Amino acid sequence: MKFEEIGSYAFIVGVLIAIIAGFVTIDAQLVTEALVVLGIIVGLINVTEKETQQFLVATVSLVIVSSLAGTGFAAVPVIGAQLQKILMGIMTFVTPAVIIVALKQIYSIARAA
C-alpha cells in the first residue's frame, strides 16, 4: 500500500465514522479519539503544498458553517439531532487536519523568508 493511499483511506474512514456516529450510539470518547487521529493523518499525508490554499478555504468554511448550522439542524424534526451529530463529527475530524496543514504552510512561509 502506498503512503498516499493511507491518507485517502483515512479520509474515507473519518467521514464514514462521523456519519455512522450520527445515527448509532457509540462511545463518544472512542469516536472523538479516532476522528482526531484520522484528521491528523489526513493533514500530514493527504494535502500537498499545491492544494493547501484550497484545502484551508474549504475546510475552514466547512467548520464555520457546521458550527453555525449545527444548532439550526437540531430543530429539524426526526433527523435534526442526527444531522447535528454528523456535523460535529465532521468538525472533529477536519479540525486537526486544518491545524496540521496551516502549521505546515506557516513553516513553509517562514522557511522561505
PDB file of N, CA and C in Angstrom:
ATOM      1  N   MET A   1       0.852  -1.184   0.000  1.00  0.00           N
ATOM      2  CA  MET A   1       0.000   0.000   0.000  1.00  0.00           C
ATOM      3  C   MET A   1       0.892   1.240   0.000  1.00  0.00           C
ATOM      4  N   LYS A   2       0.583   2.167  -0.888  1.00  0.00           N
ATOM      5  CA  LYS A   2       1.355   3.395  -0.982  1.00  0.00           C
ATOM      6  C   LYS A   2       1.011   4.324   0.174  1.00  0.00           C
ATOM      7  N   PHE A   3       1.959   5.172   0.507  1.00  0.00           N
ATOM      8  CA  PHE A   3       1.799   6.123   1.606  1.00  0.00           C
ATOM      9  C   PHE A   3       0.586   7.021   1.390  1.00  0.00           C
ATOM     10  N   GLU A   4       0.389   7.492   0.152  1.00  0.00           N
ATOM     11  CA  GLU A   4      -0.725   8.385  -0.159  1.00  0.00           C
ATOM     12  C   GLU A   4      -2.071   7.684   0.006  1.00  0.00           C
ATOM     13  N   GLU A   5      -2.093   6.377  -0.263  1.00  0.00           N
ATOM     14  CA  GLU A   5      -3.334   5.619  -0.119  1.00  0.00           C
ATOM     15  C   GLU A   5      -3.793   5.586   1.330  1.00  0.00           C
ATOM     16  N   ILE A   6      -2.848   5.564   2.251  1.00  0.00           N
ATOM     17  CA  ILE A   6      -3.191   5.574   3.673  1.00  0.00           C
ATOM     18  C   ILE A   6      -3.978   6.835   3.994  1.00  0.00           C
ATOM     19  N   GLY A   7      -3.521   7.963   3.490  1.00  0.00           N
ATOM     20  CA  GLY A   7      -4.219   9.222   3.718  1.00  0.00           C
ATOM     21  C   GLY A   7      -5.604   9.232   3.104  1.00  0.00           C
ATOM     22  N   SER A   8      -5.736   8.659   1.909  1.00  0.00           N
ATOM     23  CA  SER A   8      -7.047   8.586   1.254  1.00  0.00           C
ATOM     24  C   SER A   8      -8.006   7.719   2.055  1.00  0.00           C
ATOM     25  N   TYR A   9      -7.520   6.577   2.508  1.00  0.00           N
ATOM     26  CA  TYR A   9      -8.363   5.701   3.326  1.00  0.00           C
ATOM     27  C   TYR A   9      -8.702   6.361   4.659  1.00  0.00           C
ATOM     28  N   ALA A  10      -7.753   7.085   5.237  1.00  0.00           N
ATOM     29  CA  ALA A  10      -8.019   7.789   6.497  1.00  0.00           C
ATOM     30  C   ALA A  10      -9.140   8.804   6.310  1.00  0.00           C
ATOM     31  N   PHE A  11      -9.139   9.487   5.179  1.00  0.00           N
ATOM     32  CA  PHE A  11     -10.197  10.462   4.905  1.00  0.00           C
ATOM     33  C   PHE A  11     -11.554   9.774   4.792  1.00  0.00           C
ATOM     34  N   ILE A  12     -11.611   8.715   4.001  1.00  0.00           N
ATOM     35  CA  ILE A  12     -12.871   7.993   3.805  1.00  0.00           C
ATOM     36  C   ILE A  12     -13.383   7.432   5.128  1.00  0.00           C
ATOM     37  N   VAL A  13     -12.507   6.809   5.896  1.00  0.00           N
ATOM     38  CA  VAL A  13     -12.904   6.229   7.181  1.00  0.00           C
ATOM     39  C   VAL A  13     -13.368   7.322   8.140  1.00  0.00           C
ATOM     40  N   GLY A  14     -12.681   8.463   8.155  1.00  0.00           N
ATOM     41  CA  GLY A  14     -13.079   9.566   9.029  1.00  0.00           C
ATOM     42  C   GLY A  14     -14.476  10.069   8.723  1.00  0.00           C
ATOM     43  N   VAL A  15     -14.773  10.250   7.447  1.00  0.00           N
ATOM     44  CA  VAL A  15     -16.111  10.716   7.056  1.00  0.00           C
ATOM     45  C   VAL A  15     -17.160   9.659   7.403  1.00  0.00           C
ATOM     46  N   LEU A  16     -16.852   8.395   7.137  1.00  0.00           N
ATOM     47  CA  LEU A  16     -17.799   7.323   7.455  1.00  0.00           C
ATOM     48  C   LEU A  16     -18.066   7.230   8.958  1.00  0.00           C
ATOM     49  N   ILE A  17     -17.019   7.338   9.767  1.00  0.00           N
ATOM     50  CA  ILE A  17     -17.205   7.302  11.223  1.00  0.00           C
ATOM     51  C   ILE A  17     -18.079   8.460  11.669  1.00  0.00           C
ATOM     52  N   ALA A  18     -17.837   9.644  11.132  1.00  0.00           N
ATOM     53  CA  ALA A  18     -18.646  10.812  11.503  1.00  0.00           C
ATOM     54  C   ALA A  18     -20.114  10.589  11.149  1.00  0.00           C
ATOM     55  N   ILE A  19     -20.367  10.021   9.994  1.00  0.00           N
ATOM     56  CA  ILE A  19     -21.753   9.773   9.574  1.00  0.00           C
ATOM     57  C   ILE A  19     -22.391   8.676  10.427  1.00  0.00           C
ATOM     58  N   ILE A  20     -21.691   7.569  10.594  1.00  0.00           N
ATOM     59  CA  ILE A  20     -22.235   6.455  11.377  1.00  0.00           C
ATOM     60  C   ILE A  20     -22.490   6.878  12.818  1.00  0.00           C
ATOM     61  N   ALA A  21     -21.552   7.621  13.400  1.00  0.00           N
ATOM     62  CA  ALA A  21     -21.716   8.071  14.787  1.00  0.00           C
ATOM     63  C   ALA A  21     -22.905   9.014  14.939  1.00  0.00           C
ATOM     64  N   GLY A  22     -23.349   9.621  13.853  1.00  0.00           N
ATOM     65  CA  GLY A  22     -24.533  10.465  13.903  1.00  0.00           C
ATOM     66  C   GLY A  22     -25.811   9.670  14.083  1.00  0.00           C
ATOM     67  N   PHE A  23     -25.792   8.424  13.665  1.00  0.00           N
ATOM     68  CA  PHE A  23     -27.001   7.598  13.715  1.00  0.00           C
ATOM     69  C   PHE A  23     -26.951   6.497  14.776  1.00  0.00           C
ATOM     70  N   VAL A  24     -25.757   6.068  15.147  1.00  0.00           N
ATOM     71  CA  VAL A  24     -25.607   4.954  16.078  1.00  0.00           C
ATOM     72  C   VAL A  24     -24.920   5.457  17.340  1.00  0.00           C
ATOM     73  N   THR A  25     -25.390   4.995  18.477  1.00  0.00           N
ATOM     74  CA  THR A  25     -24.753   5.383  19.735  1.00  0.00           C
ATOM     75  C   THR A  25     -23.463   4.587  19.897  1.00  0.00           C
ATOM     76  N   ILE A  26     -22.363   5.306  19.869  1.00  0.00           N
ATOM     77  CA  ILE A  26     -21.033   4.712  20.013  1.00  0.00           C
ATOM     78  C   ILE A  26     -20.323   5.495  21.108  1.00  0.00           C
ATOM     79  N   ASP A  27     -19.369   4.860  21.776  1.00  0.00           N
ATOM     80  CA  ASP A  27     -18.594   5.525  22.820  1.00  0.00           C
ATOM     81  C   ASP A  27     -18.027   6.842  22.284  1.00  0.00           C
ATOM     82  N   ALA A  28     -18.493   7.957  22.851  1.00  0.00           N
ATOM     83  CA  ALA A  28     -18.123   9.289  22.349  1.00  0.00           C
ATOM     84  C   ALA A  28     -16.623   9.531  22.415  1.00  0.00           C
ATOM     85  N   GLN A  29     -15.976   9.078  23.481  1.00  0.00           N
ATOM     86  CA  GLN A  29     -14.531   9.294  23.609  1.00  0.00           C
ATOM     87  C   GLN A  29     -13.780   8.523  22.527  1.00  0.00           C
ATOM     88  N   LEU A  30     -14.186   7.302  22.275  1.00  0.00           N
ATOM     89  CA  LEU A  30     -13.539   6.490  21.240  1.00  0.00           C
ATOM     90  C   LEU A  30     -13.719   7.123  19.860  1.00  0.00           C
ATOM     91  N   VAL A  31     -14.920   7.595  19.570  1.00  0.00           N
ATOM     92  CA  VAL A  31     -15.191   8.249  18.284  1.00  0.00           C
ATOM     93  C   VAL A  31     -14.343   9.503  18.140  1.00  0.00           C
ATOM     94  N   THR A  32     -14.308  10.319  19.192  1.00  0.00           N
ATOM     95  CA  THR A  32     -13.522  11.558  19.152  1.00  0.00           C
ATOM     96  C   THR A  32     -12.049  11.262  18.925  1.00  0.00           C
ATOM     97  N   GLU A  33     -11.508  10.296  19.665  1.00  0.00           N
ATOM     98  CA  GLU A  33     -10.092   9.946  19.510  1.00  0.00           C
ATOM     99  C   GLU A  33      -9.805   9.446  18.095  1.00  0.00           C
ATOM    100  N   ALA A  34     -10.672   8.598  17.566  1.00  0.00           N
ATOM    101  CA  ALA A  34     -10.473   8.075  16.211  1.00  0.00           C
ATOM    102  C   ALA A  34     -10.519   9.197  15.180  1.00  0.00           C
ATOM    103  N   LEU A  35     -11.487  10.099  15.306  1.00  0.00           N
ATOM    104  CA  LEU A  35     -11.615  11.198  14.345  1.00  0.00           C
ATOM    105  C   LEU A  35     -10.420  12.146  14.409  1.00  0.00           C
ATOM    106  N   VAL A  36      -9.930  12.419  15.609  1.00  0.00           N
ATOM    107  CA  VAL A  36      -8.768  13.303  15.748  1.00  0.00           C
ATOM    108  C   VAL A  36      -7.532  12.659  15.123  1.00  0.00           C
ATOM    109  N   VAL A  37      -7.291  11.385  15.413  1.00  0.00           N
ATOM    110  CA  VAL A  37      -6.127  10.691  14.843  1.00  0.00           C
ATOM    111  C   VAL A  37      -6.228  10.635  13.317  1.00  0.00           C
ATOM    112  N   LEU A  38      -7.401  10.314  12.804  1.00  0.00           N
ATOM    113  CA  LEU A  38      -7.579  10.272  11.347  1.00  0.00           C
ATOM    114  C   LEU A  38      -7.401  11.659  10.729  1.00  0.00           C
ATOM    115  N   GLY A  39      -7.875  12.694  11.408  1.00  0.00           N
ATOM    116  CA  GLY A  39      -7.684  14.059  10.925  1.00  0.00           C
ATOM    117  C   GLY A  39      -6.213  14.441  10.854  1.00  0.00           C
ATOM    118  N   ILE A  40      -5.459  14.031  11.862  1.00  0.00           N
ATOM    119  CA  ILE A  40      -4.011  14.298  11.864  1.00  0.00           C
ATOM    120  C   ILE A  40      -3.344  13.581  10.692  1.00  0.00           C
ATOM    121  N   ILE A  41      -3.718  12.325  10.471  1.00  0.00           N
ATOM    122  CA  ILE A  41      -3.151  11.567   9.346  1.00  0.00           C
ATOM    123  C   ILE A  41      -3.466  12.263   8.024  1.00  0.00           C
ATOM    124  N   VAL A  42      -4.708  12.680   7.851  1.00  0.00           N
ATOM    125  CA  VAL A  42      -5.101  13.380   6.617  1.00  0.00           C
ATOM    126  C   VAL A  42      -4.285  14.660   6.454  1.00  0.00           C
ATOM    127  N   GLY A  43      -4.127  15.425   7.524  1.00  0.00           N
ATOM    128  CA  GLY A  43      -3.368  16.670   7.459  1.00  0.00           C
ATOM    129  C   GLY A  43      -1.903  16.451   7.122  1.00  0.00           C
ATOM    130  N   LEU A  44      -1.336  15.365   7.621  1.00  0.00           N
ATOM    131  CA  LEU A  44       0.079  15.085   7.371  1.00  0.00           C
ATOM    132  C   LEU A  44       0.329  14.486   5.990  1.00  0.00           C
ATOM    133  N   ILE A  45      -0.591  13.667   5.508  1.00  0.00           N
ATOM    134  CA  ILE A  45      -0.331  12.884   4.302  1.00  0.00           C
ATOM    135  C   ILE A  45      -1.068  13.396   3.064  1.00  0.00           C
ATOM    136  N   ASN A  46      -2.327  13.731   3.193  1.00  0.00           N
ATOM    137  CA  ASN A  46      -3.175  13.955   2.018  1.00  0.00           C
ATOM    138  C   ASN A  46      -2.953  15.261   1.285  1.00  0.00           C
ATOM    139  N   VAL A  47      -2.702  16.327   1.982  1.00  0.00           N
ATOM    140  CA  VAL A  47      -2.737  17.652   1.368  1.00  0.00           C
ATOM    141  C   VAL A  47      -1.331  18.053   0.925  1.00  0.00           C
ATOM    142  N   THR A  48      -1.177  18.246  -0.390  1.00  0.00           N
ATOM    143  CA  THR A  48       0.108  18.687  -0.919  1.00  0.00           C
ATOM    144  C   THR A  48       0.219  20.202  -0.773  1.00  0.00           C
ATOM    145  N   GLU A  49       1.418  20.714  -0.954  1.00  0.00           N
ATOM    146  CA  GLU A  49       1.620  22.161  -0.838  1.00  0.00           C
ATOM    147  C   GLU A  49       0.780  22.914  -1.870  1.00  0.00           C
ATOM    148  N   LYS A  50       0.624  22.317  -3.049  1.00  0.00           N
ATOM    149  CA  LYS A  50      -0.170  22.940  -4.108  1.00  0.00           C
ATOM    150  C   LYS A  50      -1.658  23.015  -3.735  1.00  0.00           C
ATOM    151  N   GLU A  51      -2.122  22.071  -2.941  1.00  0.00           N
ATOM    152  CA  GLU A  51      -3.537  22.006  -2.557  1.00  0.00           C
ATOM    153  C   GLU A  51      -3.858  22.760  -1.271  1.00  0.00           C
ATOM    154  N   THR A  52      -2.845  23.280  -0.608  1.00  0.00           N
ATOM    155  CA  THR A  52      -3.017  23.856   0.721  1.00  0.00           C
ATOM    156  C   THR A  52      -4.064  24.958   0.767  1.00  0.00           C
ATOM    157  N   GLN A  53      -3.979  25.920  -0.125  1.00  0.00           N
ATOM    158  CA  GLN A  53      -4.911  27.049  -0.065  1.00  0.00           C
ATOM    159  C   GLN A  53      -6.355  26.589  -0.263  1.00  0.00           C
ATOM    160  N   GLN A  54      -6.590  25.751  -1.259  1.00  0.00           N
ATOM    161  CA  GLN A  54      -7.946  25.245  -1.497  1.00  0.00           C
ATOM    162  C   GLN A  54      -8.447  24.451  -0.299  1.00  0.00           C
ATOM    163  N   PHE A  55      -7.578  23.621   0.253  1.00  0.00           N
ATOM    164  CA  PHE A  55      -7.958  22.804   1.405  1.00  0.00           C
ATOM    165  C   PHE A  55      -8.332  23.677   2.590  1.00  0.00           C
ATOM    166  N   LEU A  56      -7.497  24.677   2.879  1.00  0.00           N
ATOM    167  CA  LEU A  56      -7.769  25.537   4.030  1.00  0.00           C
ATOM    168  C   LEU A  56      -9.055  26.333   3.848  1.00  0.00           C
ATOM    169  N   VAL A  57      -9.281  26.877   2.676  1.00  0.00           N
ATOM    170  CA  VAL A  57     -10.517  27.632   2.434  1.00  0.00           C
ATOM    171  C   VAL A  57     -11.733  26.716   2.583  1.00  0.00           C
ATOM    172  N   ALA A  58     -11.670  25.543   1.974  1.00  0.00           N
ATOM    173  CA  ALA A  58     -12.807  24.617   2.024  1.00  0.00           C
ATOM    174  C   ALA A  58     -13.076  24.124   3.439  1.00  0.00           C
ATOM    175  N   THR A  59     -12.033  23.732   4.142  1.00  0.00           N
ATOM    176  CA  THR A  59     -12.247  23.161   5.471  1.00  0.00           C
ATOM    177  C   THR A  59     -12.613  24.217   6.504  1.00  0.00           C
ATOM    178  N   VAL A  60     -12.009  25.384   6.421  1.00  0.00           N
ATOM    179  CA  VAL A  60     -12.389  26.451   7.356  1.00  0.00           C
ATOM    180  C   VAL A  60     -13.842  26.851   7.109  1.00  0.00           C
ATOM    181  N   SER A  61     -14.239  26.924   5.848  1.00  0.00           N
ATOM    182  CA  SER A  61     -15.644  27.208   5.530  1.00  0.00           C
ATOM    183  C   SER A  61     -16.550  26.129   6.105  1.00  0.00           C
ATOM    184  N   LEU A  62     -16.150  24.888   5.946  1.00  0.00           N
ATOM    185  CA  LEU A  62     -16.935  23.771   6.466  1.00  0.00           C
ATOM    186  C   LEU A  62     -17.069  23.841   7.981  1.00  0.00           C
ATOM    187  N   VAL A  63     -15.988  24.134   8.664  1.00  0.00           N
ATOM    188  CA  VAL A  63     -16.027  24.228  10.126  1.00  0.00           C
ATOM    189  C   VAL A  63     -16.932  25.373  10.567  1.00  0.00           C
ATOM    190  N   ILE A  64     -16.823  26.519   9.919  1.00  0.00           N
ATOM    191  CA  ILE A  64     -17.655  27.675  10.293  1.00  0.00           C
ATOM    192  C   ILE A  64     -19.130  27.381  10.039  1.00  0.00           C
ATOM    193  N   VAL A  65     -19.443  26.890   8.857  1.00  0.00           N
ATOM    194  CA  VAL A  65     -20.839  26.599   8.522  1.00  0.00           C
ATOM    195  C   VAL A  65     -21.386  25.488   9.416  1.00  0.00           C
ATOM    196  N   SER A  66     -20.588  24.477   9.688  1.00  0.00           N
ATOM    197  CA  SER A  66     -21.041  23.387  10.553  1.00  0.00           C
ATOM    198  C   SER A  66     -21.353  23.876  11.952  1.00  0.00           C
ATOM    199  N   SER A  67     -20.513  24.745  12.469  1.00  0.00           N
ATOM    200  CA  SER A  67     -20.758  25.240  13.826  1.00  0.00           C
ATOM    201  C   SER A  67     -21.992  26.130  13.872  1.00  0.00           C
ATOM    202  N   LEU A  68     -22.235  26.904  12.830  1.00  0.00           N
ATOM    203  CA  LEU A  68     -23.417  27.765  12.792  1.00  0.00           C
ATOM    204  C   LEU A  68     -24.690  26.979  12.477  1.00  0.00           C
ATOM    205  N   ALA A  69     -24.601  26.061  11.537  1.00  0.00           N
ATOM    206  CA  ALA A  69     -25.788  25.309  11.114  1.00  0.00           C
ATOM    207  C   ALA A  69     -26.138  24.183  12.074  1.00  0.00           C
ATOM    208  N   GLY A  70     -25.159  23.723  12.825  1.00  0.00           N
ATOM    209  CA  GLY A  70     -25.397  22.598  13.724  1.00  0.00           C
ATOM    210  C   GLY A  70     -26.542  22.831  14.677  1.00  0.00           C
ATOM    211  N   THR A  71     -26.593  24.007  15.278  1.00  0.00           N
ATOM    212  CA  THR A  71     -27.681  24.298  16.207  1.00  0.00           C
ATOM    213  C   THR A  71     -29.004  24.432  15.472  1.00  0.00           C
ATOM    214  N   GLY A  72     -28.979  24.950  14.270  1.00  0.00           N
ATOM    215  CA  GLY A  72     -30.203  25.064  13.476  1.00  0.00           C
ATOM    216  C   GLY A  72     -30.756  23.711  13.073  1.00  0.00           C
ATOM    217  N   PHE A  73     -29.870  22.779  12.772  1.00  0.00           N
ATOM    218  CA  PHE A  73     -30.312  21.439  12.390  1.00  0.00           C
ATOM    219  C   PHE A  73     -31.006  20.718  13.536  1.00  0.00           C
ATOM    220  N   ALA A  74     -30.654  21.060  14.756  1.00  0.00           N
ATOM    221  CA  ALA A  74     -31.265  20.402  15.907  1.00  0.00           C
ATOM    222  C   ALA A  74     -32.782  20.577  15.910  1.00  0.00           C
ATOM    223  N   ALA A  75     -33.273  21.645  15.303  1.00  0.00           N
ATOM    224  CA  ALA A  75     -34.713  21.922  15.279  1.00  0.00           C
ATOM    225  C   ALA A  75     -35.452  21.170  14.173  1.00  0.00           C
ATOM    226  N   VAL A  76     -34.729  20.518  13.281  1.00  0.00           N
ATOM    227  CA  VAL A  76     -35.364  19.780  12.189  1.00  0.00           C
ATOM    228  C   VAL A  76     -35.999  18.506  12.761  1.00  0.00           C
ATOM    229  N   PRO A  77     -37.293  18.309  12.506  1.00  0.00           N
ATOM    230  CA  PRO A  77     -37.957  17.120  13.050  1.00  0.00           C
ATOM    231  C   PRO A  77     -37.335  15.827  12.524  1.00  0.00           C
ATOM    232  N   VAL A  78     -37.380  14.818  13.307  1.00  0.00           N
ATOM    233  CA  VAL A  78     -36.981  13.442  13.020  1.00  0.00           C
ATOM    234  C   VAL A  78     -35.470  13.258  12.872  1.00  0.00           C
ATOM    235  N   ILE A  79     -34.819  13.988  11.999  1.00  0.00           N
ATOM    236  CA  ILE A  79     -33.409  13.730  11.687  1.00  0.00           C
ATOM    237  C   ILE A  79     -32.473  14.842  12.167  1.00  0.00           C
ATOM    238  N   GLY A  80     -33.000  15.886  12.760  1.00  0.00           N
ATOM    239  CA  GLY A  80     -32.183  17.032  13.158  1.00  0.00           C
ATOM    240  C   GLY A  80     -31.050  16.698  14.107  1.00  0.00           C
ATOM    241  N   ALA A  81     -31.324  15.898  15.122  1.00  0.00           N
ATOM    242  CA  ALA A  81     -30.277  15.538  16.089  1.00  0.00           C
ATOM    243  C   ALA A  81     -29.159  14.754  15.415  1.00  0.00           C
ATOM    244  N   GLN A  82     -29.511  13.879  14.489  1.00  0.00           N
ATOM    245  CA  GLN A  82     -28.503  13.101  13.775  1.00  0.00           C
ATOM    246  C   GLN A  82     -27.656  13.994  12.873  1.00  0.00           C
ATOM    247  N   LEU A  83     -28.291  14.935  12.184  1.00  0.00           N
ATOM    248  CA  LEU A  83     -27.533  15.874  11.347  1.00  0.00           C
ATOM    249  C   LEU A  83     -26.563  16.690  12.190  1.00  0.00           C
ATOM    250  N   GLN A  84     -27.012  17.110  13.354  1.00  0.00           N
ATOM    251  CA  GLN A  84     -26.147  17.873  14.252  1.00  0.00           C
ATOM    252  C   GLN A  84     -24.951  17.023  14.695  1.00  0.00           C
ATOM    253  N   LYS A  85     -25.181  15.759  15.029  1.00  0.00           N
ATOM    254  CA  LYS A  85     -24.085  14.865  15.434  1.00  0.00           C
ATOM    255  C   LYS A  85     -23.105  14.636  14.280  1.00  0.00           C
ATOM    256  N   ILE A  86     -23.639  14.472  13.074  1.00  0.00           N
ATOM    257  CA  ILE A  86     -22.768  14.265  11.909  1.00  0.00           C
ATOM    258  C   ILE A  86     -21.876  15.486  11.694  1.00  0.00           C
ATOM    259  N   LEU A  87     -22.445  16.675  11.750  1.00  0.00           N
ATOM    260  CA  LEU A  87     -21.650  17.895  11.576  1.00  0.00           C
ATOM    261  C   LEU A  87     -20.592  18.032  12.664  1.00  0.00           C
ATOM    262  N   MET A  88     -20.949  17.690  13.896  1.00  0.00           N
ATOM    263  CA  MET A  88     -19.961  17.749  14.983  1.00  0.00           C
ATOM    264  C   MET A  88     -18.834  16.745  14.734  1.00  0.00           C
ATOM    265  N   GLY A  89     -19.188  15.563  14.250  1.00  0.00           N
ATOM    266  CA  GLY A  89     -18.172  14.565  13.932  1.00  0.00           C
ATOM    267  C   GLY A  89     -17.257  15.024  12.809  1.00  0.00           C
ATOM    268  N   ILE A  90     -17.830  15.616  11.782  1.00  0.00           N
ATOM    269  CA  ILE A  90     -17.022  16.120  10.671  1.00  0.00           C
ATOM    270  C   ILE A  90     -16.103  17.242  11.148  1.00  0.00           C
ATOM    271  N   MET A  91     -16.617  18.124  12.001  1.00  0.00           N
ATOM    272  CA  MET A  91     -15.757  19.190  12.549  1.00  0.00           C
ATOM    273  C   MET A  91     -14.621  18.593  13.372  1.00  0.00           C
ATOM    274  N   THR A  92     -14.926  17.583  14.175  1.00  0.00           N
ATOM    275  CA  THR A  92     -13.901  16.930  14.989  1.00  0.00           C
ATOM    276  C   THR A  92     -12.843  16.288  14.108  1.00  0.00           C
ATOM    277  N   PHE A  93     -13.243  15.743  12.987  1.00  0.00           N
ATOM    278  CA  PHE A  93     -12.335  15.096  12.048  1.00  0.00           C
ATOM    279  C   PHE A  93     -11.497  16.107  11.265  1.00  0.00           C
ATOM    280  N   VAL A  94     -12.114  17.168  10.798  1.00  0.00           N
ATOM    281  CA  VAL A  94     -11.452  18.126   9.911  1.00  0.00           C
ATOM    282  C   VAL A  94     -10.544  19.094  10.670  1.00  0.00           C
ATOM    283  N   THR A  95     -10.913  19.475  11.875  1.00  0.00           N
ATOM    284  CA  THR A  95     -10.149  20.494  12.603  1.00  0.00           C
ATOM    285  C   THR A  95      -8.677  20.122  12.799  1.00  0.00           C
ATOM    286  N   PRO A  96      -8.333  18.895  13.228  1.00  0.00           N
ATOM    287  CA  PRO A  96      -6.903  18.568  13.338  1.00  0.00           C
ATOM    288  C   PRO A  96      -6.173  18.651  11.997  1.00  0.00           C
ATOM    289  N   ALA A  97      -6.843  18.253  10.916  1.00  0.00           N
ATOM    290  CA  ALA A  97      -6.223  18.345   9.588  1.00  0.00           C
ATOM    291  C   ALA A  97      -5.953  19.798   9.227  1.00  0.00           C
ATOM    292  N   VAL A  98      -6.900  20.682   9.537  1.00  0.00           N
ATOM    293  CA  VAL A  98      -6.726  22.115   9.269  1.00  0.00           C
ATOM    294  C   VAL A  98      -5.530  22.649  10.045  1.00  0.00           C
ATOM    295  N   ILE A  99      -5.429  22.284  11.302  1.00  0.00           N
ATOM    296  CA  ILE A  99      -4.321  22.768  12.138  1.00  0.00           C
ATOM    297  C   ILE A  99      -2.988  22.298  11.572  1.00  0.00           C
ATOM    298  N   ILE A 100      -2.897  21.023  11.213  1.00  0.00           N
ATOM    299  CA  ILE A 100      -1.647  20.473  10.669  1.00  0.00           C
ATOM    300  C   ILE A 100      -1.276  21.170   9.361  1.00  0.00           C
ATOM    301  N   VAL A 101      -2.225  21.294   8.447  1.00  0.00           N
ATOM    302  CA  VAL A 101      -1.946  21.912   7.143  1.00  0.00           C
ATOM    303  C   VAL A 101      -1.578  23.384   7.320  1.00  0.00           C
ATOM    304  N   ALA A 102      -2.272  24.087   8.202  1.00  0.00           N
ATOM    305  CA  ALA A 102      -1.953  25.500   8.443  1.00  0.00           C
ATOM    306  C   ALA A 102      -0.550  25.641   9.028  1.00  0.00           C
ATOM    307  N   LEU A 103      -0.193  24.780   9.963  1.00  0.00           N
ATOM    308  CA  LEU A 103       1.159  24.840  10.540  1.00  0.00           C
ATOM    309  C   LEU A 103       2.222  24.532   9.490  1.00  0.00           C
ATOM    310  N   LYS A 104       1.956  23.553   8.625  1.00  0.00           N
ATOM    311  CA  LYS A 104       2.898  23.251   7.543  1.00  0.00           C
ATOM    312  C   LYS A 104       3.065  24.458   6.623  1.00  0.00           C
ATOM    313  N   GLN A 105       1.977  25.150   6.328  1.00  0.00           N
ATOM    314  CA  GLN A 105       2.034  26.324   5.459  1.00  0.00           C
ATOM    315  C   GLN A 105       2.790  27.466   6.133  1.00  0.00           C
ATOM    316  N   ILE A 106       2.532  27.685   7.403  1.00  0.00           N
ATOM    317  CA  ILE A 106       3.247  28.732   8.148  1.00  0.00           C
ATOM    318  C   ILE A 106       4.739  28.432   8.164  1.00  0.00           C
ATOM    319  N   TYR A 107       5.095  27.172   8.391  1.00  0.00           N
ATOM    320  CA  TYR A 107       6.503  26.782   8.381  1.00  0.00           C
ATOM    321  C   TYR A 107       7.120  27.031   7.006  1.00  0.00           C
ATOM    322  N   SER A 108       6.392  26.679   5.959  1.00  0.00           N
ATOM    323  CA  SER A 108       6.885  26.883   4.597  1.00  0.00           C
ATOM    324  C   SER A 108       7.125  28.363   4.309  1.00  0.00           C
ATOM    325  N   ILE A 109       6.210  29.202   4.744  1.00  0.00           N
ATOM    326  CA  ILE A 109       6.357  30.651   4.545  1.00  0.00           C
ATOM    327  C   ILE A 109       7.539  31.181   5.342  1.00  0.00           C
ATOM    328  N   ALA A 110       7.662  30.755   6.590  1.00  0.00           N
ATOM    329  CA  ALA A 110       8.755  31.232   7.447  1.00  0.00           C
ATOM    330  C   ALA A 110      10.110  30.764   6.924  1.00  0.00           C
ATOM    331  N   ARG A 111      10.162  29.552   6.416  1.00  0.00           N
ATOM    332  CA  ARG A 111      11.405  29.000   5.894  1.00  0.00           C
ATOM    333  C   ARG A 111      11.856  29.756   4.652  1.00  0.00           C
ATOM    334  N   ALA A 112      10.909  30.179   3.824  1.00  0.00           N
ATOM    335  CA  ALA A 112      11.226  30.883   2.582  1.00  0.00           C
ATOM    336  C   ALA A 112      11.663  32.326   2.822  1.00  0.00           C
ATOM    337  N   ALA A 113      11.293  32.864   3.971  1.00  0.00           N
ATOM    338  CA  ALA A 113      11.599  34.276   4.253  1.00  0.00           C
ATOM    339  C   ALA A 113      13.042  34.477   4.625  1.00  0.00           C
TER     340      ALA A 113
END
